[in-house]
C-alpha atoms as a PDB file:
ATOM      1  CA  MET A   1      31.381 -30.823 -56.923  1.00  0.00           C
ATOM      2  CA  TYR A   2      30.023 -30.130 -53.521  1.00  0.00           C
ATOM      3  CA  LYS A   3      26.781 -31.469 -52.194  1.00  0.00           C
ATOM      4  CA  CYS A   4      24.352 -28.681 -51.361  1.00  0.00           C
ATOM      5  CA  SER A   5      21.337 -29.333 -49.157  1.00  0.00           C
ATOM      6  CA  ARG A   6      19.899 -25.820 -49.299  1.00  0.00           C
ATOM      7  CA  ILE A   7      20.297 -22.684 -51.398  1.00  0.00           C
ATOM      8  CA  TRP A   8      20.806 -19.492 -49.417  1.00  0.00           C
ATOM      9  CA  TYR A   9      20.148 -16.120 -50.903  1.00  0.00           C
ATOM     10  CA  ASN A  10      19.137 -12.698 -49.679  1.00  0.00           C
ATOM     11  CA  ARG A  11      15.988 -11.334 -51.285  1.00  0.00           C
ATOM     12  CA  ARG A  12      16.913  -7.720 -50.461  1.00  0.00           C
ATOM     13  CA  ARG A  13      20.364  -8.012 -52.032  1.00  0.00           C
ATOM     14  CA  LYS A  14      19.791 -10.254 -55.010  1.00  0.00           C
ATOM     15  CA  ARG A  15      22.252  -9.826 -57.773  1.00  0.00           C
ATOM     16  CA  ARG A  16      21.391 -10.337 -61.393  1.00  0.00           C
ATOM     17  CA  ASP A  17      23.921 -11.431 -63.951  1.00  0.00           C
ATOM     18  CA  GLU A  18      24.192  -9.090 -66.894  1.00  0.00           C
ATOM     19  CA  ASN A  19      24.077 -11.910 -69.483  1.00  0.00           C
ATOM     20  CA  ALA A  20      21.732 -14.422 -67.814  1.00  0.00           C
ATOM     21  CA  GLU A  21      18.758 -13.911 -65.495  1.00  0.00           C
ATOM     22  CA  SER A  22      19.937 -15.994 -62.563  1.00  0.00           C
ATOM     23  CA  PHE A  23      20.508 -15.329 -58.885  1.00  0.00           C
ATOM     24  CA  THR A  24      23.849 -15.520 -57.164  1.00  0.00           C
ATOM     25  CA  VAL A  25      23.763 -18.385 -54.695  1.00  0.00           C
ATOM     26  CA  GLN A  26      26.070 -19.578 -51.951  1.00  0.00           C
ATOM     27  CA  VAL A  27      26.928 -23.251 -51.857  1.00  0.00           C
ATOM     28  CA  PHE A  28      28.337 -24.699 -48.641  1.00  0.00           C
ATOM     29  CA  PRO A  29      30.054 -28.061 -48.249  1.00  0.00           C
ATOM     30  CA  ALA A  30      28.700 -30.601 -45.783  1.00  0.00           C
ATOM     31  CA  THR A  31      31.383 -29.773 -43.226  1.00  0.00           C
ATOM     32  CA  GLU A  32      30.507 -26.095 -43.421  1.00  0.00           C
ATOM     33  CA  GLN A  33      26.840 -26.920 -42.930  1.00  0.00           C
ATOM     34  CA  LYS A  34      27.624 -28.914 -39.775  1.00  0.00           C
ATOM     35  CA  LYS A  35      29.731 -26.048 -38.511  1.00  0.00           C
ATOM     36  CA  ARG A  36      26.906 -23.576 -39.033  1.00  0.00           C
ATOM     37  CA  ARG A  37      24.418 -25.876 -37.298  1.00  0.00           C
ATOM     38  CA  TYR A  38      26.823 -26.158 -34.333  1.00  0.00           C
ATOM     39  CA  ILE A  39      27.088 -22.355 -34.121  1.00  0.00           C
ATOM     40  CA  LYS A  40      23.293 -22.067 -34.108  1.00  0.00           C
ATOM     41  CA  VAL A  41      22.993 -24.627 -31.309  1.00  0.00           C
ATOM     42  CA  MET A  42      25.634 -22.834 -29.243  1.00  0.00           C
ATOM     43  CA  ASP A  43      23.898 -19.501 -29.762  1.00  0.00           C
ATOM     44  CA  PHE A  44      20.632 -21.048 -28.568  1.00  0.00           C
ATOM     45  CA  GLU A  45      22.319 -22.500 -25.472  1.00  0.00           C
ATOM     46  CA  LYS A  46      23.931 -19.132 -24.783  1.00  0.00           C
ATOM     47  CA  LYS A  47      20.555 -17.394 -24.902  1.00  0.00           C
ATOM     48  CA  LYS A  48      18.951 -20.074 -22.746  1.00  0.00           C
ATOM     49  CA  ASN A  49      21.668 -19.804 -20.091  1.00  0.00           C
ATOM     50  CA  ASN A  50      21.718 -16.032 -20.082  1.00  0.00           C
ATOM     51  CA  THR A  51      23.070 -14.768 -16.765  1.00  0.00           C
ATOM     52  CA  ALA A  52      22.840 -11.073 -17.482  1.00  0.00           C
ATOM     53  CA  THR A  53      21.910  -8.878 -14.553  1.00  0.00           C
ATOM     54  CA  PRO A  54      18.467  -7.186 -14.572  1.00  0.00           C
ATOM     55  CA  GLN A  55      20.118  -3.801 -15.109  1.00  0.00           C
ATOM     56  CA  GLU A  56      21.542  -4.993 -18.429  1.00  0.00           C
ATOM     57  CA  ARG A  57      18.204  -6.193 -19.745  1.00  0.00           C
ATOM     58  CA  PRO A  58      15.609  -3.856 -21.266  1.00  0.00           C
ATOM     59  CA  ALA A  59      12.965  -2.621 -18.870  1.00  0.00           C
ATOM     60  CA  PHE A  60       9.543  -4.254 -18.999  1.00  0.00           C
ATOM     61  CA  ARG A  61       6.981  -2.031 -20.698  1.00  0.00           C
ATOM     62  CA  PRO A  62       3.491  -3.158 -19.611  1.00  0.00           C
ATOM     63  CA  ASP A  63       1.857  -0.555 -21.843  1.00  0.00           C
ATOM     64  CA  HIS A  64       3.504  -1.947 -24.998  1.00  0.00           C
ATOM     65  CA  TYR A  65       1.964  -5.060 -26.497  1.00  0.00           C
ATOM     66  CA  GLY A  66       2.817  -6.950 -29.658  1.00  0.00           C
ATOM     67  CA  ARG A  67       0.398  -8.760 -31.942  1.00  0.00           C
ATOM     68  CA  ARG A  68       0.848 -12.076 -30.157  1.00  0.00           C
ATOM     69  CA  GLN A  69       0.297 -10.554 -26.697  1.00  0.00           C
ATOM     70  CA  ALA A  70      -2.810  -8.727 -27.896  1.00  0.00           C
ATOM     71  CA  GLN A  71      -4.348 -11.924 -29.276  1.00  0.00           C
ATOM     72  CA  LYS A  72      -3.454 -13.760 -26.074  1.00  0.00           C
ATOM     73  CA  ALA A  73      -5.066 -11.049 -23.959  1.00  0.00           C
ATOM     74  CA  MET A  74      -8.311 -11.316 -25.956  1.00  0.00           C
ATOM     75  CA  THR A  75      -8.498 -15.106 -25.676  1.00  0.00           C
ATOM     76  CA  ASN A  76      -7.035 -15.690 -22.206  1.00  0.00           C
ATOM     77  CA  THR A  77      -9.633 -16.420 -19.534  1.00  0.00           C
ATOM     78  CA  GLY A  78      -7.216 -16.631 -16.623  1.00  0.00           C
ATOM     79  CA  HIS A  79      -5.884 -13.781 -14.535  1.00  0.00           C
ATOM     80  CA  ALA A  80      -2.394 -12.848 -13.468  1.00  0.00           C
ATOM     81  CA  ALA A  81      -2.209  -9.897 -11.072  1.00  0.00           C
ATOM     82  CA  THR A  82       0.728  -7.572 -11.624  1.00  0.00           C
ATOM     83  CA  ALA A  83       1.970  -4.464  -9.869  1.00  0.00           C
ATOM     84  CA  HIS A  84       0.926  -2.470 -12.931  1.00  0.00           C
ATOM     85  CA  ASP A  85      -2.652  -3.768 -12.626  1.00  0.00           C
ATOM     86  CA  ALA A  86      -2.737  -2.992  -8.899  1.00  0.00           C
ATOM     87  CA  ALA A  87      -1.558   0.569  -9.454  1.00  0.00           C
ATOM     88  CA  ALA A  88      -4.109   1.146 -12.201  1.00  0.00           C
ATOM     89  CA  CYS A  89      -7.045  -0.261 -10.194  1.00  0.00           C
ATOM     90  CA  GLU A  90      -8.836   2.125  -7.859  1.00  0.00           C
ATOM     91  CA  THR A  91     -10.566   0.696  -4.814  1.00  0.00           C
ATOM     92  CA  PRO A  92     -13.819   2.443  -3.934  1.00  0.00           C
ATOM     93  CA  ASP A  93     -14.453   3.712  -0.428  1.00  0.00           C
ATOM     94  CA  GLY A  94     -16.815   1.751   1.780  1.00  0.00           C
ATOM     95  CA  LEU A  95     -14.954  -1.553   1.365  1.00  0.00           C
ATOM     96  CA  VAL A  96     -13.385  -3.338   4.310  1.00  0.00           C
ATOM     97  CA  PHE A  97     -11.273  -6.404   3.503  1.00  0.00           C
ATOM     98  CA  GLY A  98      -9.125  -8.678   5.613  1.00  0.00           C
ATOM     99  CA  ARG A  99     -10.221 -10.973   8.420  1.00  0.00           C
ATOM    100  CA  ASN A 100      -9.055  -8.788  11.310  1.00  0.00           C
ATOM    101  CA  ALA A 101     -10.596  -5.672   9.774  1.00  0.00           C
ATOM    102  CA  VAL A 102     -13.954  -7.385   9.161  1.00  0.00           C
ATOM    103  CA  ARG A 103     -13.892  -8.886  12.669  1.00  0.00           C
ATOM    104  CA  GLU A 104     -13.502  -5.434  14.242  1.00  0.00           C
ATOM    105  CA  LEU A 105     -16.129  -4.029  11.883  1.00  0.00           C
ATOM    106  CA  LEU A 106     -18.675  -6.582  13.096  1.00  0.00           C
ATOM    107  CA  LYS A 107     -18.096  -5.384  16.674  1.00  0.00           C
ATOM    108  CA  THR A 108     -19.345  -1.890  15.801  1.00  0.00           C
ATOM    109  CA  ASP A 109     -22.801  -0.553  14.955  1.00  0.00           C
ATOM    110  CA  ARG A 110     -21.710   0.526  11.496  1.00  0.00           C
ATOM    111  CA  GLN A 111     -24.141  -0.474   8.756  1.00  0.00           C
ATOM    112  CA  ILE A 112     -22.922  -3.392   6.628  1.00  0.00           C
ATOM    113  CA  ASP A 113     -24.702  -3.949   3.329  1.00  0.00           C
ATOM    114  CA  LYS A 114     -23.141  -7.255   2.320  1.00  0.00           C
ATOM    115  CA  ILE A 115     -20.184  -9.536   2.973  1.00  0.00           C
ATOM    116  CA  LEU A 116     -18.473 -11.351   0.116  1.00  0.00           C
ATOM    117  CA  VAL A 117     -16.602 -14.572   0.873  1.00  0.00           C
ATOM    118  CA  ARG A 118     -14.304 -16.488  -1.462  1.00  0.00           C
ATOM    119  CA  LYS A 119     -16.110 -19.448  -2.990  1.00  0.00           C
ATOM    120  CA  GLY A 120     -15.307 -22.712  -1.261  1.00  0.00           C
ATOM    121  CA  ASP A 121     -13.550 -21.039   1.689  1.00  0.00           C
ATOM    122  CA  ARG A 122     -15.280 -22.429   4.769  1.00  0.00           C
ATOM    123  CA  GLU A 123     -12.567 -23.019   7.330  1.00  0.00           C
ATOM    124  CA  GLY A 124     -10.755 -21.241  10.123  1.00  0.00           C
ATOM    125  CA  SER A 125     -11.846 -17.773  11.167  1.00  0.00           C
ATOM    126  CA  ILE A 126     -13.992 -17.357   8.034  1.00  0.00           C
ATOM    127  CA  VAL A 127     -16.599 -19.685   9.562  1.00  0.00           C
ATOM    128  CA  VAL A 128     -16.769 -17.565  12.722  1.00  0.00           C
ATOM    129  CA  LEU A 129     -17.082 -14.319  10.757  1.00  0.00           C
ATOM    130  CA  VAL A 130     -19.835 -15.740   8.545  1.00  0.00           C
ATOM    131  CA  ALA A 131     -21.731 -16.946  11.626  1.00  0.00           C
ATOM    132  CA  GLN A 132     -21.495 -13.496  13.226  1.00  0.00           C
ATOM    133  CA  ALA A 133     -22.716 -11.862  10.015  1.00  0.00           C
ATOM    134  CA  VAL A 134     -25.680 -14.245   9.727  1.00  0.00           C
ATOM    135  CA  GLU A 135     -26.545 -13.592  13.377  1.00  0.00           C
ATOM    136  CA  ARG A 136     -26.741  -9.860  12.623  1.00  0.00           C
ATOM    137  CA  GLY A 137     -28.830 -10.486   9.514  1.00  0.00           C
ATOM    138  CA  ILE A 138     -26.096  -9.404   7.081  1.00  0.00           C
ATOM    139  CA  PRO A 139     -26.262 -11.089   3.647  1.00  0.00           C
ATOM    140  CA  VAL A 140     -23.262 -13.319   2.918  1.00  0.00           C
ATOM    141  CA  VAL A 141     -22.508 -13.998  -0.759  1.00  0.00           C
ATOM    142  CA  GLU A 142     -19.895 -16.291  -2.270  1.00  0.00           C
ATOM    143  CA  ALA A 143     -17.707 -14.808  -5.019  1.00  0.00           C
ATOM    144  CA  ASP A 144     -14.835 -15.942  -7.213  1.00  0.00           C
ATOM    145  CA  ARG A 145     -11.321 -15.027  -6.240  1.00  0.00           C
ATOM    146  CA  ASP A 146     -10.887 -12.928  -9.401  1.00  0.00           C
ATOM    147  CA  LYS A 147     -13.822 -10.722  -8.401  1.00  0.00           C
ATOM    148  CA  LEU A 148     -12.452 -10.230  -4.893  1.00  0.00           C
ATOM    149  CA  ASP A 149      -9.025  -9.378  -6.321  1.00  0.00           C
ATOM    150  CA  VAL A 150     -10.494  -6.680  -8.556  1.00  0.00           C
ATOM    151  CA  MET A 151     -12.637  -5.223  -5.761  1.00  0.00           C
ATOM    152  CA  SER A 152      -9.678  -5.010  -3.381  1.00  0.00           C
ATOM    153  CA  GLY A 153      -7.357  -3.541  -5.990  1.00  0.00           C
ATOM    154  CA  PHE A 154      -5.281  -6.761  -5.938  1.00  0.00           C
ATOM    155  CA  ALA A 155      -4.372  -6.149  -2.289  1.00  0.00           C
ATOM    156  CA  PRO A 156      -4.390  -9.103   0.163  1.00  0.00           C
ATOM    157  CA  HIS A 157      -8.036  -9.586   1.163  1.00  0.00           C
ATOM    158  CA  GLN A 158      -7.764 -13.011   2.884  1.00  0.00           C
ATOM    159  CA  GLY A 159     -10.925 -14.193   1.149  1.00  0.00           C
ATOM    160  CA  ILE A 160     -13.430 -11.774   2.687  1.00  0.00           C
ATOM    161  CA  ILE A 161     -14.695  -8.280   1.799  1.00  0.00           C
ATOM    162  CA  ALA A 162     -17.406  -6.289   3.576  1.00  0.00           C
ATOM    163  CA  MET A 163     -19.407  -3.654   1.706  1.00  0.00           C
ATOM    164  CA  THR A 164     -20.388  -0.932   4.137  1.00  0.00           C
ATOM    165  CA  ALA A 165     -21.123   2.751   4.338  1.00  0.00           C
ATOM    166  CA  GLU A 166     -18.151   5.098   4.359  1.00  0.00           C
ATOM    167  CA  LYS A 167     -16.764   5.973   7.767  1.00  0.00           C
ATOM    168  CA  GLU A 168     -17.888   9.412   8.839  1.00  0.00           C
ATOM    169  CA  TYR A 169     -15.360  12.035   9.828  1.00  0.00           C
ATOM    170  CA  VAL A 170     -15.718  14.015  13.045  1.00  0.00           C
ATOM    171  CA  ASN A 171     -14.696  17.508  14.157  1.00  0.00           C
ATOM    172  CA  ILE A 172     -11.864  18.451  16.493  1.00  0.00           C
ATOM    173  CA  GLU A 173     -14.471  19.386  19.089  1.00  0.00           C
ATOM    174  CA  ASP A 174     -15.852  15.831  18.925  1.00  0.00           C
ATOM    175  CA  ILE A 175     -12.408  14.397  19.714  1.00  0.00           C
ATOM    176  CA  LEU A 176     -12.068  16.694  22.727  1.00  0.00           C
ATOM    177  CA  ALA A 177     -15.557  15.647  23.826  1.00  0.00           C
ATOM    178  CA  ILE A 178     -14.543  11.964  23.721  1.00  0.00           C
ATOM    179  CA  ALA A 179     -11.661  12.672  26.115  1.00  0.00           C
ATOM    180  CA  LYS A 180     -13.999  14.618  28.391  1.00  0.00           C
ATOM    181  CA  GLU A 181     -16.496  11.740  28.483  1.00  0.00           C
ATOM    182  CA  ARG A 182     -13.723   9.365  29.560  1.00  0.00           C
ATOM    183  CA  ALA A 183     -12.533  11.864  32.178  1.00  0.00           C
ATOM    184  CA  GLU A 184      -9.040  11.746  30.666  1.00  0.00           C
ATOM    185  CA  ALA A 185      -6.569  14.324  29.436  1.00  0.00           C
ATOM    186  CA  PRO A 186      -6.794  14.509  25.625  1.00  0.00           C
ATOM    187  CA  LEU A 187      -4.208  12.487  23.699  1.00  0.00           C
ATOM    188  CA  ILE A 188      -4.461  13.292  19.991  1.00  0.00           C
ATOM    189  CA  VAL A 189      -2.392  12.189  16.992  1.00  0.00           C
ATOM    190  CA  ILE A 190      -1.906  14.415  13.931  1.00  0.00           C
ATOM    191  CA  ALA A 191      -0.743  12.956  10.592  1.00  0.00           C
ATOM    192  CA  ASP A 192       0.897  15.666   8.501  1.00  0.00           C
ATOM    193  CA  GLY A 193       1.068  14.759   4.808  1.00  0.00           C
ATOM    194  CA  ILE A 194       1.269  10.960   5.039  1.00  0.00           C
ATOM    195  CA  THR A 195       0.561   9.607   1.555  1.00  0.00           C
ATOM    196  CA  ASP A 196       1.248   5.897   2.081  1.00  0.00           C
ATOM    197  CA  PRO A 197      -1.975   4.080   3.097  1.00  0.00           C
ATOM    198  CA  TYR A 198      -0.027   1.362   4.894  1.00  0.00           C
ATOM    199  CA  ASN A 199       1.820   3.927   7.023  1.00  0.00           C
ATOM    200  CA  LEU A 200      -1.419   5.714   7.890  1.00  0.00           C
ATOM    201  CA  GLY A 201      -3.134   2.429   8.743  1.00  0.00           C
ATOM    202  CA  ALA A 202      -0.251   1.382  10.981  1.00  0.00           C
ATOM    203  CA  LEU A 203      -0.286   4.819  12.633  1.00  0.00           C
ATOM    204  CA  ILE A 204      -4.014   4.478  13.364  1.00  0.00           C
ATOM    205  CA  ARG A 205      -3.378   1.053  14.858  1.00  0.00           C
ATOM    206  CA  CYS A 206      -0.646   2.440  17.140  1.00  0.00           C
ATOM    207  CA  ALA A 207      -2.806   5.395  18.177  1.00  0.00           C
ATOM    208  CA  GLU A 208      -5.801   3.234  19.063  1.00  0.00           C
ATOM    209  CA  GLY A 209      -3.663   0.701  20.905  1.00  0.00           C
ATOM    210  CA  CYS A 210      -2.109   3.444  23.057  1.00  0.00           C
ATOM    211  CA  GLY A 211      -5.487   4.922  23.957  1.00  0.00           C
ATOM    212  CA  ALA A 212      -5.464   8.054  21.786  1.00  0.00           C
ATOM    213  CA  HIS A 213      -8.823   9.810  21.625  1.00  0.00           C
ATOM    214  CA  GLY A 214      -8.645  10.765  17.967  1.00  0.00           C
ATOM    215  CA  LEU A 215      -6.542  11.372  14.895  1.00  0.00           C
ATOM    216  CA  ILE A 216      -6.404  14.391  12.574  1.00  0.00           C
ATOM    217  CA  ILE A 217      -5.494  14.173   8.871  1.00  0.00           C
ATOM    218  CA  PRO A 218      -5.392  16.841   6.129  1.00  0.00           C
ATOM    219  CA  LYS A 219      -7.825  16.964   3.219  1.00  0.00           C
ATOM    220  CA  ARG A 220      -5.170  17.608   0.571  1.00  0.00           C
ATOM    221  CA  ARG A 221      -1.774  16.085  -0.262  1.00  0.00           C
ATOM    222  CA  ALA A 222      -2.425  13.072   1.956  1.00  0.00           C
ATOM    223  CA  VAL A 223      -4.181   9.733   1.823  1.00  0.00           C
ATOM    224  CA  GLY A 224      -7.733   9.439   3.144  1.00  0.00           C
ATOM    225  CA  LEU A 225      -9.576   6.544   4.740  1.00  0.00           C
ATOM    226  CA  THR A 226      -9.247   4.106   1.858  1.00  0.00           C
ATOM    227  CA  PRO A 227      -9.810   0.334   2.102  1.00  0.00           C
ATOM    228  CA  LEU A 228      -6.037  -0.165   2.179  1.00  0.00           C
ATOM    229  CA  VAL A 229      -5.840   2.062   5.254  1.00  0.00           C
ATOM    230  CA  THR A 230      -8.581   0.011   6.891  1.00  0.00           C
ATOM    231  CA  LYS A 231      -6.748  -3.227   6.088  1.00  0.00           C
ATOM    232  CA  ALA A 232      -3.406  -1.889   7.374  1.00  0.00           C
ATOM    233  CA  SER A 233      -5.012  -0.732  10.622  1.00  0.00           C
ATOM    234  CA  ALA A 234      -6.188  -4.312  11.320  1.00  0.00           C
ATOM    235  CA  GLY A 235      -9.629  -3.008  12.254  1.00  0.00           C
ATOM    236  CA  ALA A 236      -8.406  -0.261  14.612  1.00  0.00           C
ATOM    237  CA  LEU A 237      -9.954   2.349  12.311  1.00  0.00           C
ATOM    238  CA  GLU A 238     -13.427   1.232  13.397  1.00  0.00           C
ATOM    239  CA  HIS A 239     -12.684   2.315  16.986  1.00  0.00           C
ATOM    240  CA  MET A 240     -10.873   5.582  16.218  1.00  0.00           C
ATOM    241  CA  ALA A 241     -12.403   9.034  15.722  1.00  0.00           C
ATOM    242  CA  ILE A 242     -10.896  10.667  12.617  1.00  0.00           C
ATOM    243  CA  ALA A 243     -11.089  14.389  11.841  1.00  0.00           C
ATOM    244  CA  ARG A 244     -10.221  15.689   8.368  1.00  0.00           C
ATOM    245  CA  VAL A 245      -9.239  19.346   8.272  1.00  0.00           C
ATOM    246  CA  PRO A 246      -8.287  21.686   5.407  1.00  0.00           C
ATOM    247  CA  ASN A 247      -5.236  23.071   7.215  1.00  0.00           C
ATOM    248  CA  ILE A 248      -3.062  21.277   9.777  1.00  0.00           C
ATOM    249  CA  ALA A 249      -1.491  24.494  11.091  1.00  0.00           C
ATOM    250  CA  ALA A 250      -4.951  25.938  11.777  1.00  0.00           C
ATOM    251  CA  ALA A 251      -5.930  22.701  13.530  1.00  0.00           C
ATOM    252  CA  VAL A 252      -2.852  23.015  15.758  1.00  0.00           C
ATOM    253  CA  ARG A 253      -3.901  26.529  16.764  1.00  0.00           C
ATOM    254  CA  THR A 254      -7.428  25.280  17.524  1.00  0.00           C
ATOM    255  CA  LEU A 255      -6.016  22.638  19.852  1.00  0.00           C
ATOM    256  CA  GLN A 256      -3.743  25.176  21.529  1.00  0.00           C
ATOM    257  CA  ASP A 257      -6.723  27.448  22.168  1.00  0.00           C
ATOM    258  CA  ALA A 258      -8.391  24.477  23.884  1.00  0.00           C
ATOM    259  CA  GLY A 259      -5.410  24.055  26.222  1.00  0.00           C
ATOM    260  CA  VAL A 260      -3.668  21.227  24.355  1.00  0.00           C
ATOM    261  CA  TRP A 261       0.130  21.219  24.045  1.00  0.00           C
ATOM    262  CA  VAL A 262       1.259  20.204  20.568  1.00  0.00           C
ATOM    263  CA  TYR A 263       4.623  18.526  19.911  1.00  0.00           C
ATOM    264  CA  ALA A 264       6.145  17.741  16.515  1.00  0.00           C
ATOM    265  CA  ALA A 265       8.054  14.465  16.242  1.00  0.00           C
ATOM    266  CA  GLU A 266      11.119  15.412  14.222  1.00  0.00           C
ATOM    267  CA  ALA A 267      14.851  14.726  14.278  1.00  0.00           C
ATOM    268  CA  GLY A 268      16.927  17.286  16.151  1.00  0.00           C
ATOM    269  CA  GLY A 269      14.437  17.909  18.947  1.00  0.00           C
ATOM    270  CA  SER A 270      14.666  17.207  22.648  1.00  0.00           C
ATOM    271  CA  CYS A 271      14.497  13.619  23.887  1.00  0.00           C
ATOM    272  CA  PHE A 272      10.878  12.427  23.935  1.00  0.00           C
ATOM    273  CA  TYR A 273      10.971  10.787  27.384  1.00  0.00           C
ATOM    274  CA  GLU A 274      12.152  14.061  28.921  1.00  0.00           C
ATOM    275  CA  ALA A 275       9.078  15.927  27.632  1.00  0.00           C
ATOM    276  CA  ASP A 276       6.062  16.442  29.892  1.00  0.00           C
ATOM    277  CA  LEU A 277       3.280  14.454  28.231  1.00  0.00           C
ATOM    278  CA  THR A 278       1.108  14.036  31.320  1.00  0.00           C
ATOM    279  CA  GLY A 279      -1.430  16.705  30.432  1.00  0.00           C
ATOM    280  CA  ALA A 280      -3.478  17.361  27.323  1.00  0.00           C
ATOM    281  CA  CYS A 281      -1.141  16.876  24.374  1.00  0.00           C
ATOM    282  CA  ALA A 282      -1.122  16.225  20.650  1.00  0.00           C
ATOM    283  CA  LEU A 283       1.687  14.586  18.691  1.00  0.00           C
ATOM    284  CA  VAL A 284       2.399  15.467  15.050  1.00  0.00           C
ATOM    285  CA  PHE A 285       3.979  12.856  12.773  1.00  0.00           C
ATOM    286  CA  GLY A 286       5.051  13.690   9.224  1.00  0.00           C
ATOM    287  CA  SER A 287       5.722  11.643   6.131  1.00  0.00           C
ATOM    288  CA  GLU A 288       8.904   9.595   5.868  1.00  0.00           C
ATOM    289  CA  GLY A 289      10.172  11.630   2.944  1.00  0.00           C
ATOM    290  CA  ASN A 290       9.535  15.202   4.094  1.00  0.00           C
ATOM    291  CA  GLY A 291       8.755  14.882   7.798  1.00  0.00           C
ATOM    292  CA  VAL A 292       6.665  17.522   9.543  1.00  0.00           C
ATOM    293  CA  SER A 293       6.199  20.574   7.332  1.00  0.00           C
ATOM    294  CA  ARG A 294       7.974  23.789   8.263  1.00  0.00           C
ATOM    295  CA  VAL A 295       4.730  25.752   8.706  1.00  0.00           C
ATOM    296  CA  VAL A 296       3.320  23.187  11.128  1.00  0.00           C
ATOM    297  CA  LYS A 297       6.596  22.896  13.018  1.00  0.00           C
ATOM    298  CA  GLU A 298       6.716  26.651  13.582  1.00  0.00           C
ATOM    299  CA  VAL A 299       3.305  26.736  15.304  1.00  0.00           C
ATOM    300  CA  CYS A 300       3.974  23.711  17.540  1.00  0.00           C
ATOM    301  CA  ASP A 301       4.895  24.169  21.191  1.00  0.00           C
ATOM    302  CA  GLY A 302       7.984  21.988  20.908  1.00  0.00           C
ATOM    303  CA  VAL A 303       9.895  19.392  18.898  1.00  0.00           C
ATOM    304  CA  ILE A 304      10.704  15.958  20.313  1.00  0.00           C
ATOM    305  CA  SER A 305      12.748  13.132  18.827  1.00  0.00           C
ATOM    306  CA  ILE A 306      13.907   9.584  19.517  1.00  0.00           C
ATOM    307  CA  PRO A 307      17.636   9.193  20.278  1.00  0.00           C
ATOM    308  CA  MET A 308      19.314   6.815  17.834  1.00  0.00           C
ATOM    309  CA  TYR A 309      22.234   4.666  19.001  1.00  0.00           C
ATOM    310  CA  GLY A 310      22.818   2.542  15.902  1.00  0.00           C
ATOM    311  CA  LYS A 311      24.001   3.320  12.398  1.00  0.00           C
ATOM    312  CA  VAL A 312      20.568   4.234  10.985  1.00  0.00           C
ATOM    313  CA  ASN A 313      19.365   7.756  11.691  1.00  0.00           C
ATOM    314  CA  SER A 314      15.579   7.336  11.696  1.00  0.00           C
ATOM    315  CA  PHE A 315      12.642   4.985  12.217  1.00  0.00           C
ATOM    316  CA  ASN A 316       9.613   4.242  10.102  1.00  0.00           C
ATOM    317  CA  VAL A 317       6.810   6.698  10.920  1.00  0.00           C
ATOM    318  CA  SER A 318       4.605   4.011  12.467  1.00  0.00           C
ATOM    319  CA  THR A 319       7.526   2.657  14.522  1.00  0.00           C
ATOM    320  CA  ALA A 320       8.409   6.137  15.773  1.00  0.00           C
ATOM    321  CA  ALA A 321       4.757   6.751  16.609  1.00  0.00           C
ATOM    322  CA  ALA A 322       4.561   3.500  18.578  1.00  0.00           C
ATOM    323  CA  VAL A 323       7.617   4.430  20.670  1.00  0.00           C
ATOM    324  CA  ILE A 324       6.488   7.981  21.458  1.00  0.00           C
ATOM    325  CA  LEU A 325       2.814   7.091  21.969  1.00  0.00           C
ATOM    326  CA  ALA A 326       3.778   4.339  24.410  1.00  0.00           C
ATOM    327  CA  GLU A 327       5.648   6.920  26.495  1.00  0.00           C
ATOM    328  CA  ALA A 328       2.717   9.335  26.279  1.00  0.00           C
ATOM    329  CA  ALA A 329       0.274   6.603  27.347  1.00  0.00           C
ATOM    330  CA  LYS A 330       2.492   5.719  30.310  1.00  0.00           C
ATOM    331  CA  GLN A 331       2.745   9.334  31.464  1.00  0.00           C
ATOM    332  CA  HIS A 332      -1.014   9.834  31.027  1.00  0.00           C
ATOM    333  CA  ARG A 333      -1.730   6.982  33.405  1.00  0.00           C
ATOM    334  CA  GLN A 334       0.801   7.886  36.073  1.00  0.00           C
ATOM    335  CA  PRO A 335      -0.682   9.268  39.302  1.00  0.00           C
ATOM    336  CA  ARG A 336      -0.167  13.008  39.565  1.00  0.00           C
END
C-alpha cells in the first residue's frame, strides 16, 4: 500500500463508477511525488531564466488590461510615464519648456503669463531664470513633477515650463521687410512637409544660427509651432520670423516674383557649393521620408545636393540644412 499525501482528480473529467458513486483518483508513491516536485521546480527555473528574444515574446498591448491591472490602476498613486502615454497626451500651444528655451523667451518682449518650476529645484540655471522672471514681474509657481510631465506631454522639460501667448505667424512680405531693414539680401528657409517636431525645431535652430531672415511652413500635412518644436529649437524660435502658408508652391512663386532665387535641397542635384547663393535666395528642405514634393521641385529655380563620400547616401534634414545654410551664410557675407 502506497502512502498518498494528496488526491488528484480533474473536476471536468470526473468518472463515476456504475456500481458505486465514487470518483476515480490517482495515487502516486512518494518517489513519484518527489519527481513531480522536481519537475515543477525546474519549470519555474526555466521560466525565470527565460532568454527568449523580444521577437519571440508576445507584443505588449497597453490598451488591454486584466482585472489585477485595472485594480492596480485605480489604487496606484504613483506615475510611470510610457511611450503610449506620451503619444496619447496632447500638449497645448503657448507652452515653452526647457531651460534654454525659457532663457531665450525671457530675452524677448513676448507676454509670459506664468512660469512653473519643479518643487524643490533651486539650483543651477533655474535660480538665474527665476530671478529674471521675478525682475520682469512674472509670477513663478512651484509644481509637482507629475504635473509638469503631463503639461509637457512627458517630454523632457528640465523642471521649468513657461505659459505664454502663442507665437504669431507673419507674412512672406514681413520676412522680406526684415531683410530690407538689415540691408541684407534675403536668406529664407522653406520646410516642405516636415512632420517631426524635433526635425523642425532643429531646422529652425540652424536657420537662426546662420542668419536666415525667416522660415516658411505649410498649414497642412506638416507640424506647426508646438511646444516640442520650441524645445527642440533651444529657444531659436523666439528670434525667428515664421510664415505659415496654405500652399508651398504658391509661396515659391511669390518669392520668385520678388526677385528671390529658390533652390530645392534634394539628392541628384548639382553640388551645393558650386551654386551662386550670394544674392537673394530661398532653400527648400523636405521631410526625411519623402523629400521635397514633386510639385514644389518643378517650380524651383534649381536643385542642389550634398556630395556623399561614405557608405550612407543621405543626411538628416537638420544636418543637411546646417551644411547648406553655412555655405549660404558664407557666400552672403563675402564682398562682391
